[in-house]
Amino acid sequence: MHIFTVRDLRERTGELIRGVENGELAVITKHGTPVFVAVPFDETLLREGVGAALAIKLFDEEHISLNRAAKLAGLSVSETIDMLGRHGVAVIRPTEEELERELADFS
């Protein structure tokens, strides 16, 4: 996710558009306060809606929790897990150390 100021909109509009075209979110701020979000206009947005598309992106980029993603999408946690799965977004993300401990338990 990229953060742009209102001033950046004048000077870096092309960069903002290219990023969003590449599937990246952009937050535009005024005096440090978020004013709006640029969300990629893609199949996810068309199929799932703005709230869900934003929830998927923010959760995938680890900016929000699963509970927050569910609230943003207007879904239950289990419905959100299903939605994330349909979009190939892993809900459980173990660290390398956690995976090594799990594998050691099976040895």
PDB file of N, CA and C in Angstrom:
ATOM      1  N   MET A   1       0.856  -1.169   0.000  1.00  0.00           N
ATOM      2  CA  MET A   1       0.000   0.000   0.000  1.00  0.00           C
ATOM      3  C   MET A   1       0.902   1.232   0.000  1.00  0.00           C
ATOM      4  N   HIS A   2       0.553   2.162  -0.841  1.00  0.00           N
ATOM      5  CA  HIS A   2       1.303   3.409  -0.936  1.00  0.00           C
ATOM      6  C   HIS A   2       0.483   4.538  -0.321  1.00  0.00           C
ATOM      7  N   ILE A   3       1.193   5.486   0.253  1.00  0.00           N
ATOM      8  CA  ILE A   3       0.530   6.652   0.829  1.00  0.00           C
ATOM      9  C   ILE A   3       0.957   7.878   0.044  1.00  0.00           C
ATOM     10  N   PHE A   4      -0.040   8.632  -0.407  1.00  0.00           N
ATOM     11  CA  PHE A   4       0.184   9.853  -1.155  1.00  0.00           C
ATOM     12  C   PHE A   4      -0.487  10.996  -0.413  1.00  0.00           C
ATOM     13  N   THR A   5       0.121  12.163  -0.484  1.00  0.00           N
ATOM     14  CA  THR A   5      -0.523  13.353   0.065  1.00  0.00           C
ATOM     15  C   THR A   5      -1.336  14.004  -1.054  1.00  0.00           C
ATOM     16  N   VAL A   6      -2.175  14.947  -0.685  1.00  0.00           N
ATOM     17  CA  VAL A   6      -2.941  15.676  -1.688  1.00  0.00           C
ATOM     18  C   VAL A   6      -1.976  16.379  -2.650  1.00  0.00           C
ATOM     19  N   ARG A   7      -0.886  16.895  -2.134  1.00  0.00           N
ATOM     20  CA  ARG A   7       0.130  17.546  -2.987  1.00  0.00           C
ATOM     21  C   ARG A   7       0.724  16.536  -3.969  1.00  0.00           C
ATOM     22  N   ASP A   8       0.949  15.298  -3.507  1.00  0.00           N
ATOM     23  CA  ASP A   8       1.481  14.258  -4.386  1.00  0.00           C
ATOM     24  C   ASP A   8       0.572  14.005  -5.584  1.00  0.00           C
ATOM     25  N   LEU A   9      -0.721  14.205  -5.402  1.00  0.00           N
ATOM     26  CA  LEU A   9      -1.653  13.981  -6.510  1.00  0.00           C
ATOM     27  C   LEU A   9      -1.296  14.839  -7.714  1.00  0.00           C
ATOM     28  N   ARG A  10      -0.846  16.054  -7.464  1.00  0.00           N
ATOM     29  CA  ARG A  10      -0.451  16.942  -8.559  1.00  0.00           C
ATOM     30  C   ARG A  10       0.865  16.503  -9.179  1.00  0.00           C
ATOM     31  N   GLU A  11       1.785  16.095  -8.322  1.00  0.00           N
ATOM     32  CA  GLU A  11       3.150  15.830  -8.780  1.00  0.00           C
ATOM     33  C   GLU A  11       3.405  14.370  -9.155  1.00  0.00           C
ATOM     34  N   ARG A  12       2.617  13.437  -8.619  1.00  0.00           N
ATOM     35  CA  ARG A  12       2.893  12.005  -8.820  1.00  0.00           C
ATOM     36  C   ARG A  12       1.657  11.225  -9.251  1.00  0.00           C
ATOM     37  N   THR A  13       0.771  11.866  -9.966  1.00  0.00           N
ATOM     38  CA  THR A  13      -0.467  11.222 -10.397  1.00  0.00           C
ATOM     39  C   THR A  13      -0.180   9.958 -11.201  1.00  0.00           C
ATOM     40  N   GLY A  14       0.772  10.030 -12.112  1.00  0.00           N
ATOM     41  CA  GLY A  14       1.113   8.871 -12.941  1.00  0.00           C
ATOM     42  C   GLY A  14       1.562   7.692 -12.111  1.00  0.00           C
ATOM     43  N   GLU A  15       2.359   7.953 -11.087  1.00  0.00           N
ATOM     44  CA  GLU A  15       2.848   6.889 -10.196  1.00  0.00           C
ATOM     45  C   GLU A  15       1.686   6.238  -9.458  1.00  0.00           C
ATOM     46  N   LEU A  16       0.765   7.053  -8.972  1.00  0.00           N
ATOM     47  CA  LEU A  16      -0.411   6.532  -8.268  1.00  0.00           C
ATOM     48  C   LEU A  16      -1.227   5.647  -9.210  1.00  0.00           C
ATOM     49  N   ILE A  17      -1.475   6.115 -10.413  1.00  0.00           N
ATOM     50  CA  ILE A  17      -2.281   5.353 -11.368  1.00  0.00           C
ATOM     51  C   ILE A  17      -1.578   4.049 -11.745  1.00  0.00           C
ATOM     52  N   ARG A  18      -0.285   4.098 -12.023  1.00  0.00           N
ATOM     53  CA  ARG A  18       0.450   2.873 -12.373  1.00  0.00           C
ATOM     54  C   ARG A  18       0.387   1.854 -11.242  1.00  0.00           C
ATOM     55  N   GLY A  19       0.533   2.310 -10.006  1.00  0.00           N
ATOM     56  CA  GLY A  19       0.476   1.395  -8.863  1.00  0.00           C
ATOM     57  C   GLY A  19      -0.876   0.725  -8.751  1.00  0.00           C
ATOM     58  N   VAL A  20      -1.929   1.499  -8.875  1.00  0.00           N
ATOM     59  CA  VAL A  20      -3.275   0.941  -8.774  1.00  0.00           C
ATOM     60  C   VAL A  20      -3.535  -0.002  -9.944  1.00  0.00           C
ATOM     61  N   GLU A  21      -3.064   0.350 -11.130  1.00  0.00           N
ATOM     62  CA  GLU A  21      -3.208  -0.545 -12.282  1.00  0.00           C
ATOM     63  C   GLU A  21      -2.499  -1.876 -12.046  1.00  0.00           C
ATOM     64  N   ASN A  22      -1.440  -1.845 -11.235  1.00  0.00           N
ATOM     65  CA  ASN A  22      -0.694  -3.065 -10.895  1.00  0.00           C
ATOM     66  C   ASN A  22      -1.269  -3.786  -9.682  1.00  0.00           C
ATOM     67  N   GLY A  23      -2.442  -3.352  -9.226  1.00  0.00           N
ATOM     68  CA  GLY A  23      -3.112  -4.041  -8.135  1.00  0.00           C
ATOM     69  C   GLY A  23      -2.792  -3.540  -6.745  1.00  0.00           C
ATOM     70  N   GLU A  24      -2.119  -2.405  -6.628  1.00  0.00           N
ATOM     71  CA  GLU A  24      -1.735  -1.866  -5.322  1.00  0.00           C
ATOM     72  C   GLU A  24      -2.768  -0.860  -4.825  1.00  0.00           C
ATOM     73  N   LEU A  25      -2.975  -0.861  -3.534  1.00  0.00           N
ATOM     74  CA  LEU A  25      -3.837   0.144  -2.909  1.00  0.00           C
ATOM     75  C   LEU A  25      -3.043   1.422  -2.708  1.00  0.00           C
ATOM     76  N   ALA A  26      -3.744   2.532  -2.699  1.00  0.00           N
ATOM     77  CA  ALA A  26      -3.104   3.806  -2.386  1.00  0.00           C
ATOM     78  C   ALA A  26      -4.032   4.584  -1.459  1.00  0.00           C
ATOM     79  N   VAL A  27      -3.462   5.131  -0.409  1.00  0.00           N
ATOM     80  CA  VAL A  27      -4.210   5.972   0.517  1.00  0.00           C
ATOM     81  C   VAL A  27      -3.752   7.400   0.288  1.00  0.00           C
ATOM     82  N   ILE A  28      -4.710   8.296   0.129  1.00  0.00           N
ATOM     83  CA  ILE A  28      -4.394   9.702  -0.074  1.00  0.00           C
ATOM     84  C   ILE A  28      -4.725  10.443   1.214  1.00  0.00           C
ATOM     85  N   THR A  29      -3.764  11.216   1.700  1.00  0.00           N
ATOM     86  CA  THR A  29      -3.927  11.918   2.974  1.00  0.00           C
ATOM     87  C   THR A  29      -3.896  13.424   2.786  1.00  0.00           C
ATOM     88  N   LYS A  30      -4.527  14.102   3.723  1.00  0.00           N
ATOM     89  CA  LYS A  30      -4.481  15.569   3.780  1.00  0.00           C
ATOM     90  C   LYS A  30      -4.098  15.929   5.209  1.00  0.00           C
ATOM     91  N   HIS A  31      -2.982  16.583   5.368  1.00  0.00           N
ATOM     92  CA  HIS A  31      -2.460  16.944   6.692  1.00  0.00           C
ATOM     93  C   HIS A  31      -2.328  15.707   7.575  1.00  0.00           C
ATOM     94  N   GLY A  32      -1.900  14.594   6.970  1.00  0.00           N
ATOM     95  CA  GLY A  32      -1.663  13.358   7.718  1.00  0.00           C
ATOM     96  C   GLY A  32      -2.886  12.509   7.999  1.00  0.00           C
ATOM     97  N   THR A  33      -4.061  12.968   7.605  1.00  0.00           N
ATOM     98  CA  THR A  33      -5.297  12.223   7.843  1.00  0.00           C
ATOM     99  C   THR A  33      -5.770  11.600   6.536  1.00  0.00           C
ATOM    100  N   PRO A  34      -6.048  10.292   6.531  1.00  0.00           N
ATOM    101  CA  PRO A  34      -6.540   9.661   5.300  1.00  0.00           C
ATOM    102  C   PRO A  34      -7.827  10.329   4.820  1.00  0.00           C
ATOM    103  N   VAL A  35      -7.882  10.606   3.517  1.00  0.00           N
ATOM    104  CA  VAL A  35      -9.040  11.247   2.912  1.00  0.00           C
ATOM    105  C   VAL A  35      -9.789  10.256   2.031  1.00  0.00           C
ATOM    106  N   PHE A  36      -9.048   9.499   1.225  1.00  0.00           N
ATOM    107  CA  PHE A  36      -9.682   8.464   0.412  1.00  0.00           C
ATOM    108  C   PHE A  36      -8.675   7.399   0.027  1.00  0.00           C
ATOM    109  N   VAL A  37      -9.209   6.294  -0.486  1.00  0.00           N
ATOM    110  CA  VAL A  37      -8.401   5.154  -0.891  1.00  0.00           C
ATOM    111  C   VAL A  37      -8.629   4.895  -2.372  1.00  0.00           C
ATOM    112  N   ALA A  38      -7.547   4.670  -3.099  1.00  0.00           N
ATOM    113  CA  ALA A  38      -7.645   4.256  -4.504  1.00  0.00           C
ATOM    114  C   ALA A  38      -7.530   2.737  -4.523  1.00  0.00           C
ATOM    115  N   VAL A  39      -8.586   2.083  -4.986  1.00  0.00           N
ATOM    116  CA  VAL A  39      -8.664   0.623  -5.020  1.00  0.00           C
ATOM    117  C   VAL A  39      -8.621   0.180  -6.477  1.00  0.00           C
ATOM    118  N   PRO A  40      -7.845  -0.863  -6.794  1.00  0.00           N
ATOM    119  CA  PRO A  40      -7.821  -1.351  -8.181  1.00  0.00           C
ATOM    120  C   PRO A  40      -9.223  -1.722  -8.664  1.00  0.00           C
ATOM    121  N   PHE A  41      -9.551  -1.290  -9.863  1.00  0.00           N
ATOM    122  CA  PHE A  41     -10.834  -1.628 -10.469  1.00  0.00           C
ATOM    123  C   PHE A  41     -10.610  -2.912 -11.249  1.00  0.00           C
ATOM    124  N   ASP A  42     -10.888  -4.039 -10.582  1.00  0.00           N
ATOM    125  CA  ASP A  42     -10.620  -5.337 -11.186  1.00  0.00           C
ATOM    126  C   ASP A  42     -11.794  -6.279 -10.969  1.00  0.00           C
ATOM    127  N   GLU A  43     -11.612  -7.540 -11.335  1.00  0.00           N
ATOM    128  CA  GLU A  43     -12.679  -8.532 -11.208  1.00  0.00           C
ATOM    129  C   GLU A  43     -13.133  -8.696  -9.756  1.00  0.00           C
ATOM    130  N   THR A  44     -12.206  -8.619  -8.816  1.00  0.00           N
ATOM    131  CA  THR A  44     -12.563  -8.753  -7.407  1.00  0.00           C
ATOM    132  C   THR A  44     -13.513  -7.639  -7.003  1.00  0.00           C
ATOM    133  N   LEU A  45     -13.213  -6.433  -7.406  1.00  0.00           N
ATOM    134  CA  LEU A  45     -14.067  -5.293  -7.084  1.00  0.00           C
ATOM    135  C   LEU A  45     -15.450  -5.480  -7.707  1.00  0.00           C
ATOM    136  N   LEU A  46     -15.489  -5.893  -8.941  1.00  0.00           N
ATOM    137  CA  LEU A  46     -16.771  -6.081  -9.624  1.00  0.00           C
ATOM    138  C   LEU A  46     -17.586  -7.216  -9.015  1.00  0.00           C
ATOM    139  N   ARG A  47     -16.920  -8.313  -8.685  1.00  0.00           N
ATOM    140  CA  ARG A  47     -17.598  -9.498  -8.167  1.00  0.00           C
ATOM    141  C   ARG A  47     -17.985  -9.363  -6.699  1.00  0.00           C
ATOM    142  N   GLU A  48     -17.073  -8.839  -5.891  1.00  0.00           N
ATOM    143  CA  GLU A  48     -17.251  -8.847  -4.441  1.00  0.00           C
ATOM    144  C   GLU A  48     -17.733  -7.512  -3.875  1.00  0.00           C
ATOM    145  N   GLY A  49     -17.488  -6.409  -4.578  1.00  0.00           N
ATOM    146  CA  GLY A  49     -17.838  -5.091  -4.070  1.00  0.00           C
ATOM    147  C   GLY A  49     -16.631  -4.391  -3.466  1.00  0.00           C
ATOM    148  N   VAL A  50     -16.797  -3.107  -3.224  1.00  0.00           N
ATOM    149  CA  VAL A  50     -15.689  -2.271  -2.747  1.00  0.00           C
ATOM    150  C   VAL A  50     -15.191  -2.709  -1.378  1.00  0.00           C
ATOM    151  N   GLY A  51     -16.113  -2.898  -0.437  1.00  0.00           N
ATOM    152  CA  GLY A  51     -15.704  -3.269   0.919  1.00  0.00           C
ATOM    153  C   GLY A  51     -14.940  -4.575   0.950  1.00  0.00           C
ATOM    154  N   ALA A  52     -15.424  -5.564   0.235  1.00  0.00           N
ATOM    155  CA  ALA A  52     -14.753  -6.865   0.215  1.00  0.00           C
ATOM    156  C   ALA A  52     -13.413  -6.773  -0.498  1.00  0.00           C
ATOM    157  N   ALA A  53     -13.359  -6.052  -1.625  1.00  0.00           N
ATOM    158  CA  ALA A  53     -12.097  -5.913  -2.361  1.00  0.00           C
ATOM    159  C   ALA A  53     -11.045  -5.236  -1.491  1.00  0.00           C
ATOM    160  N   LEU A  54     -11.464  -4.218  -0.761  1.00  0.00           N
ATOM    161  CA  LEU A  54     -10.554  -3.519   0.137  1.00  0.00           C
ATOM    162  C   LEU A  54     -10.121  -4.437   1.280  1.00  0.00           C
ATOM    163  N   ALA A  55     -11.057  -5.188   1.827  1.00  0.00           N
ATOM    164  CA  ALA A  55     -10.743  -6.126   2.920  1.00  0.00           C
ATOM    165  C   ALA A  55      -9.735  -7.178   2.463  1.00  0.00           C
ATOM    166  N   ILE A  56      -9.935  -7.714   1.268  1.00  0.00           N
ATOM    167  CA  ILE A  56      -9.022  -8.739   0.738  1.00  0.00           C
ATOM    168  C   ILE A  56      -7.614  -8.172   0.612  1.00  0.00           C
ATOM    169  N   LYS A  57      -7.496  -7.003  -0.002  1.00  0.00           N
ATOM    170  CA  LYS A  57      -6.179  -6.383  -0.204  1.00  0.00           C
ATOM    171  C   LYS A  57      -5.499  -6.059   1.122  1.00  0.00           C
ATOM    172  N   LEU A  58      -6.231  -5.409   2.016  1.00  0.00           N
ATOM    173  CA  LEU A  58      -5.627  -5.000   3.289  1.00  0.00           C
ATOM    174  C   LEU A  58      -5.244  -6.198   4.142  1.00  0.00           C
ATOM    175  N   PHE A  59      -6.063  -7.246   4.134  1.00  0.00           N
ATOM    176  CA  PHE A  59      -5.714  -8.445   4.892  1.00  0.00           C
ATOM    177  C   PHE A  59      -4.514  -9.142   4.264  1.00  0.00           C
ATOM    178  N   ASP A  60      -4.522  -9.269   2.937  1.00  0.00           N
ATOM    179  CA  ASP A  60      -3.426  -9.940   2.243  1.00  0.00           C
ATOM    180  C   ASP A  60      -2.102  -9.230   2.486  1.00  0.00           C
ATOM    181  N   GLU A  61      -2.130  -7.912   2.567  1.00  0.00           N
ATOM    182  CA  GLU A  61      -0.913  -7.137   2.815  1.00  0.00           C
ATOM    183  C   GLU A  61      -0.610  -6.988   4.306  1.00  0.00           C
ATOM    184  N   GLU A  62      -1.412  -7.674   5.140  1.00  0.00           N
ATOM    185  CA  GLU A  62      -1.233  -7.716   6.595  1.00  0.00           C
ATOM    186  C   GLU A  62      -1.358  -6.347   7.257  1.00  0.00           C
ATOM    187  N   HIS A  63      -2.262  -5.512   6.724  1.00  0.00           N
ATOM    188  CA  HIS A  63      -2.537  -4.212   7.333  1.00  0.00           C
ATOM    189  C   HIS A  63      -3.689  -4.298   8.335  1.00  0.00           C
ATOM    190  N   ILE A  64      -4.558  -5.315   8.177  1.00  0.00           N
ATOM    191  CA  ILE A  64      -5.685  -5.482   9.090  1.00  0.00           C
ATOM    192  C   ILE A  64      -5.820  -6.951   9.473  1.00  0.00           C
ATOM    193  N   SER A  65      -6.506  -7.174  10.596  1.00  0.00           N
ATOM    194  CA  SER A  65      -6.736  -8.530  11.086  1.00  0.00           C
ATOM    195  C   SER A  65      -7.901  -9.189  10.349  1.00  0.00           C
ATOM    196  N   LEU A  66      -8.073 -10.464  10.583  1.00  0.00           N
ATOM    197  CA  LEU A  66      -9.188 -11.200   9.995  1.00  0.00           C
ATOM    198  C   LEU A  66     -10.523 -10.631  10.466  1.00  0.00           C
ATOM    199  N   ASN A  67     -10.637 -10.332  11.745  1.00  0.00           N
ATOM    200  CA  ASN A  67     -11.882  -9.755  12.268  1.00  0.00           C
ATOM    201  C   ASN A  67     -12.196  -8.414  11.606  1.00  0.00           C
ATOM    202  N   ARG A  68     -11.180  -7.602  11.440  1.00  0.00           N
ATOM    203  CA  ARG A  68     -11.382  -6.289  10.809  1.00  0.00           C
ATOM    204  C   ARG A  68     -11.767  -6.452   9.342  1.00  0.00           C
ATOM    205  N   ALA A  69     -11.141  -7.417   8.670  1.00  0.00           N
ATOM    206  CA  ALA A  69     -11.473  -7.684   7.267  1.00  0.00           C
ATOM    207  C   ALA A  69     -12.934  -8.110   7.152  1.00  0.00           C
ATOM    208  N   ALA A  70     -13.380  -8.945   8.080  1.00  0.00           N
ATOM    209  CA  ALA A  70     -14.780  -9.404   8.067  1.00  0.00           C
ATOM    210  C   ALA A  70     -15.725  -8.220   8.232  1.00  0.00           C
ATOM    211  N   LYS A  71     -15.417  -7.338   9.163  1.00  0.00           N
ATOM    212  CA  LYS A  71     -16.268  -6.163   9.378  1.00  0.00           C
ATOM    213  C   LYS A  71     -16.290  -5.271   8.148  1.00  0.00           C
ATOM    214  N   LEU A  72     -15.134  -5.057   7.557  1.00  0.00           N
ATOM    215  CA  LEU A  72     -15.040  -4.204   6.371  1.00  0.00           C
ATOM    216  C   LEU A  72     -15.828  -4.795   5.198  1.00  0.00           C
ATOM    217  N   ALA A  73     -15.771  -6.113   5.073  1.00  0.00           N
ATOM    218  CA  ALA A  73     -16.479  -6.787   3.979  1.00  0.00           C
ATOM    219  C   ALA A  73     -17.964  -6.971   4.278  1.00  0.00           C
ATOM    220  N   GLY A  74     -18.359  -6.762   5.543  1.00  0.00           N
ATOM    221  CA  GLY A  74     -19.754  -6.962   5.927  1.00  0.00           C
ATOM    222  C   GLY A  74     -20.130  -8.425   5.987  1.00  0.00           C
ATOM    223  N   LEU A  75     -19.163  -9.261   6.364  1.00  0.00           N
ATOM    224  CA  LEU A  75     -19.366 -10.704   6.419  1.00  0.00           C
ATOM    225  C   LEU A  75     -19.005 -11.240   7.795  1.00  0.00           C
ATOM    226  N   SER A  76     -19.410 -12.468   8.062  1.00  0.00           N
ATOM    227  CA  SER A  76     -18.954 -13.141   9.279  1.00  0.00           C
ATOM    228  C   SER A  76     -17.503 -13.564   9.059  1.00  0.00           C
ATOM    229  N   VAL A  77     -16.828 -13.948  10.125  1.00  0.00           N
ATOM    230  CA  VAL A  77     -15.438 -14.391  10.003  1.00  0.00           C
ATOM    231  C   VAL A  77     -15.354 -15.627   9.111  1.00  0.00           C
ATOM    232  N   SER A  78     -16.269 -16.579   9.291  1.00  0.00           N
ATOM    233  CA  SER A  78     -16.207 -17.797   8.467  1.00  0.00           C
ATOM    234  C   SER A  78     -16.480 -17.480   6.994  1.00  0.00           C
ATOM    235  N   GLU A  79     -17.397 -16.561   6.719  1.00  0.00           N
ATOM    236  CA  GLU A  79     -17.647 -16.154   5.334  1.00  0.00           C
ATOM    237  C   GLU A  79     -16.425 -15.447   4.745  1.00  0.00           C
ATOM    238  N   THR A  80     -15.741 -14.679   5.575  1.00  0.00           N
ATOM    239  CA  THR A  80     -14.537 -13.975   5.128  1.00  0.00           C
ATOM    240  C   THR A  80     -13.427 -14.965   4.825  1.00  0.00           C
ATOM    241  N   ILE A  81     -13.284 -15.990   5.652  1.00  0.00           N
ATOM    242  CA  ILE A  81     -12.281 -17.031   5.390  1.00  0.00           C
ATOM    243  C   ILE A  81     -12.565 -17.695   4.051  1.00  0.00           C
ATOM    244  N   ASP A  82     -13.828 -18.004   3.792  1.00  0.00           N
ATOM    245  CA  ASP A  82     -14.207 -18.600   2.503  1.00  0.00           C
ATOM    246  C   ASP A  82     -13.879 -17.659   1.347  1.00  0.00           C
ATOM    247  N   MET A  83     -14.209 -16.379   1.502  1.00  0.00           N
ATOM    248  CA  MET A  83     -13.948 -15.393   0.457  1.00  0.00           C
ATOM    249  C   MET A  83     -12.442 -15.283   0.189  1.00  0.00           C
ATOM    250  N   LEU A  84     -11.654 -15.199   1.251  1.00  0.00           N
ATOM    251  CA  LEU A  84     -10.207 -15.104   1.094  1.00  0.00           C
ATOM    252  C   LEU A  84      -9.668 -16.337   0.378  1.00  0.00           C
ATOM    253  N   GLY A  85     -10.184 -17.508   0.742  1.00  0.00           N
ATOM    254  CA  GLY A  85      -9.764 -18.743   0.088  1.00  0.00           C
ATOM    255  C   GLY A  85     -10.075 -18.734  -1.403  1.00  0.00           C
ATOM    256  N   ARG A  86     -11.256 -18.233  -1.770  1.00  0.00           N
ATOM    257  CA  ARG A  86     -11.626 -18.145  -3.187  1.00  0.00           C
ATOM    258  C   ARG A  86     -10.659 -17.261  -3.968  1.00  0.00           C
ATOM    259  N   HIS A  87     -10.053 -16.310  -3.271  1.00  0.00           N
ATOM    260  CA  HIS A  87      -9.124 -15.380  -3.924  1.00  0.00           C
ATOM    261  C   HIS A  87      -7.668 -15.770  -3.706  1.00  0.00           C
ATOM    262  N   GLY A  88      -7.455 -16.964  -3.162  1.00  0.00           N
ATOM    263  CA  GLY A  88      -6.093 -17.464  -2.995  1.00  0.00           C
ATOM    264  C   GLY A  88      -5.292 -16.776  -1.916  1.00  0.00           C
ATOM    265  N   VAL A  89      -5.976 -16.190  -0.938  1.00  0.00           N
ATOM    266  CA  VAL A  89      -5.296 -15.498   0.156  1.00  0.00           C
ATOM    267  C   VAL A  89      -5.272 -16.414   1.368  1.00  0.00           C
ATOM    268  N   ALA A  90      -4.073 -16.747   1.820  1.00  0.00           N
ATOM    269  CA  ALA A  90      -3.918 -17.620   2.984  1.00  0.00           C
ATOM    270  C   ALA A  90      -4.355 -16.904   4.253  1.00  0.00           C
ATOM    271  N   VAL A  91      -5.122 -17.603   5.068  1.00  0.00           N
ATOM    272  CA  VAL A  91      -5.589 -17.035   6.331  1.00  0.00           C
ATOM    273  C   VAL A  91      -4.594 -17.362   7.436  1.00  0.00           C
ATOM    274  N   ILE A  92      -4.056 -18.571   7.406  1.00  0.00           N
ATOM    275  CA  ILE A  92      -3.075 -18.991   8.399  1.00  0.00           C
ATOM    276  C   ILE A  92      -1.697 -18.819   7.783  1.00  0.00           C
ATOM    277  N   ARG A  93      -0.871 -18.045   8.463  1.00  0.00           N
ATOM    278  CA  ARG A  93       0.455 -17.721   7.937  1.00  0.00           C
ATOM    279  C   ARG A  93       1.520 -17.989   8.991  1.00  0.00           C
ATOM    280  N   PRO A  94       1.882 -19.252   9.131  1.00  0.00           N
ATOM    281  CA  PRO A  94       2.885 -19.574  10.152  1.00  0.00           C
ATOM    282  C   PRO A  94       4.257 -19.026   9.777  1.00  0.00           C
ATOM    283  N   THR A  95       5.019 -18.698  10.799  1.00  0.00           N
ATOM    284  CA  THR A  95       6.388 -18.246  10.574  1.00  0.00           C
ATOM    285  C   THR A  95       7.254 -19.463  10.269  1.00  0.00           C
ATOM    286  N   GLU A  96       8.438 -19.219   9.802  1.00  0.00           N
ATOM    287  CA  GLU A  96       9.363 -20.313   9.507  1.00  0.00           C
ATOM    288  C   GLU A  96       9.650 -21.133  10.765  1.00  0.00           C
ATOM    289  N   GLU A  97       9.796 -20.456  11.905  1.00  0.00           N
ATOM    290  CA  GLU A  97      10.068 -21.147  13.165  1.00  0.00           C
ATOM    291  C   GLU A  97       8.889 -22.040  13.562  1.00  0.00           C
ATOM    292  N   GLU A  98       7.687 -21.547  13.368  1.00  0.00           N
ATOM    293  CA  GLU A  98       6.499 -22.343  13.687  1.00  0.00           C
ATOM    294  C   GLU A  98       6.418 -23.581  12.804  1.00  0.00           C
ATOM    295  N   LEU A  99       6.737 -23.430  11.536  1.00  0.00           N
ATOM    296  CA  LEU A  99       6.742 -24.582  10.630  1.00  0.00           C
ATOM    297  C   LEU A  99       7.794 -25.606  11.039  1.00  0.00           C
ATOM    298  N   GLU A 100       8.958 -25.124  11.421  1.00  0.00           N
ATOM    299  CA  GLU A 100      10.022 -26.033  11.853  1.00  0.00           C
ATOM    300  C   GLU A 100       9.614 -26.797  13.111  1.00  0.00           C
ATOM    301  N   ARG A 101       8.959 -26.122  14.066  1.00  0.00           N
ATOM    302  CA  ARG A 101       8.471 -26.798  15.280  1.00  0.00           C
ATOM    303  C   ARG A 101       7.426 -27.849  14.926  1.00  0.00           C
ATOM    304  N   GLU A 102       6.520 -27.508  14.011  1.00  0.00           N
ATOM    305  CA  GLU A 102       5.483 -28.458  13.585  1.00  0.00           C
ATOM    306  C   GLU A 102       6.118 -29.692  12.953  1.00  0.00           C
ATOM    307  N   LEU A 103       7.095 -29.471  12.079  1.00  0.00           N
ATOM    308  CA  LEU A 103       7.757 -30.591  11.428  1.00  0.00           C
ATOM    309  C   LEU A 103       8.542 -31.442  12.430  1.00  0.00           C
ATOM    310  N   ALA A 104       9.152 -30.786  13.407  1.00  0.00           N
ATOM    311  CA  ALA A 104       9.883 -31.517  14.438  1.00  0.00           C
ATOM    312  C   ALA A 104       8.956 -32.383  15.257  1.00  0.00           C
ATOM    313  N   ASP A 105       7.728 -31.939  15.481  1.00  0.00           N
ATOM    314  CA  ASP A 105       6.751 -32.726  16.232  1.00  0.00           C
ATOM    315  C   ASP A 105       6.383 -34.017  15.505  1.00  0.00           C
ATOM    316  N   PHE A 106       6.501 -34.031  14.190  1.00  0.00           N
ATOM    317  CA  PHE A 106       6.169 -35.221  13.401  1.00  0.00           C
ATOM    318  C   PHE A 106       7.350 -36.169  13.260  1.00  0.00           C
ATOM    319  N   SER A 107       8.529 -35.742  13.660  1.00  0.00           N
ATOM    320  CA  SER A 107       9.731 -36.584  13.510  1.00  0.00           C
ATOM    321  C   SER A 107       9.860 -37.575  14.624  1.00  0.00           C
TER     322      SER A 107
END
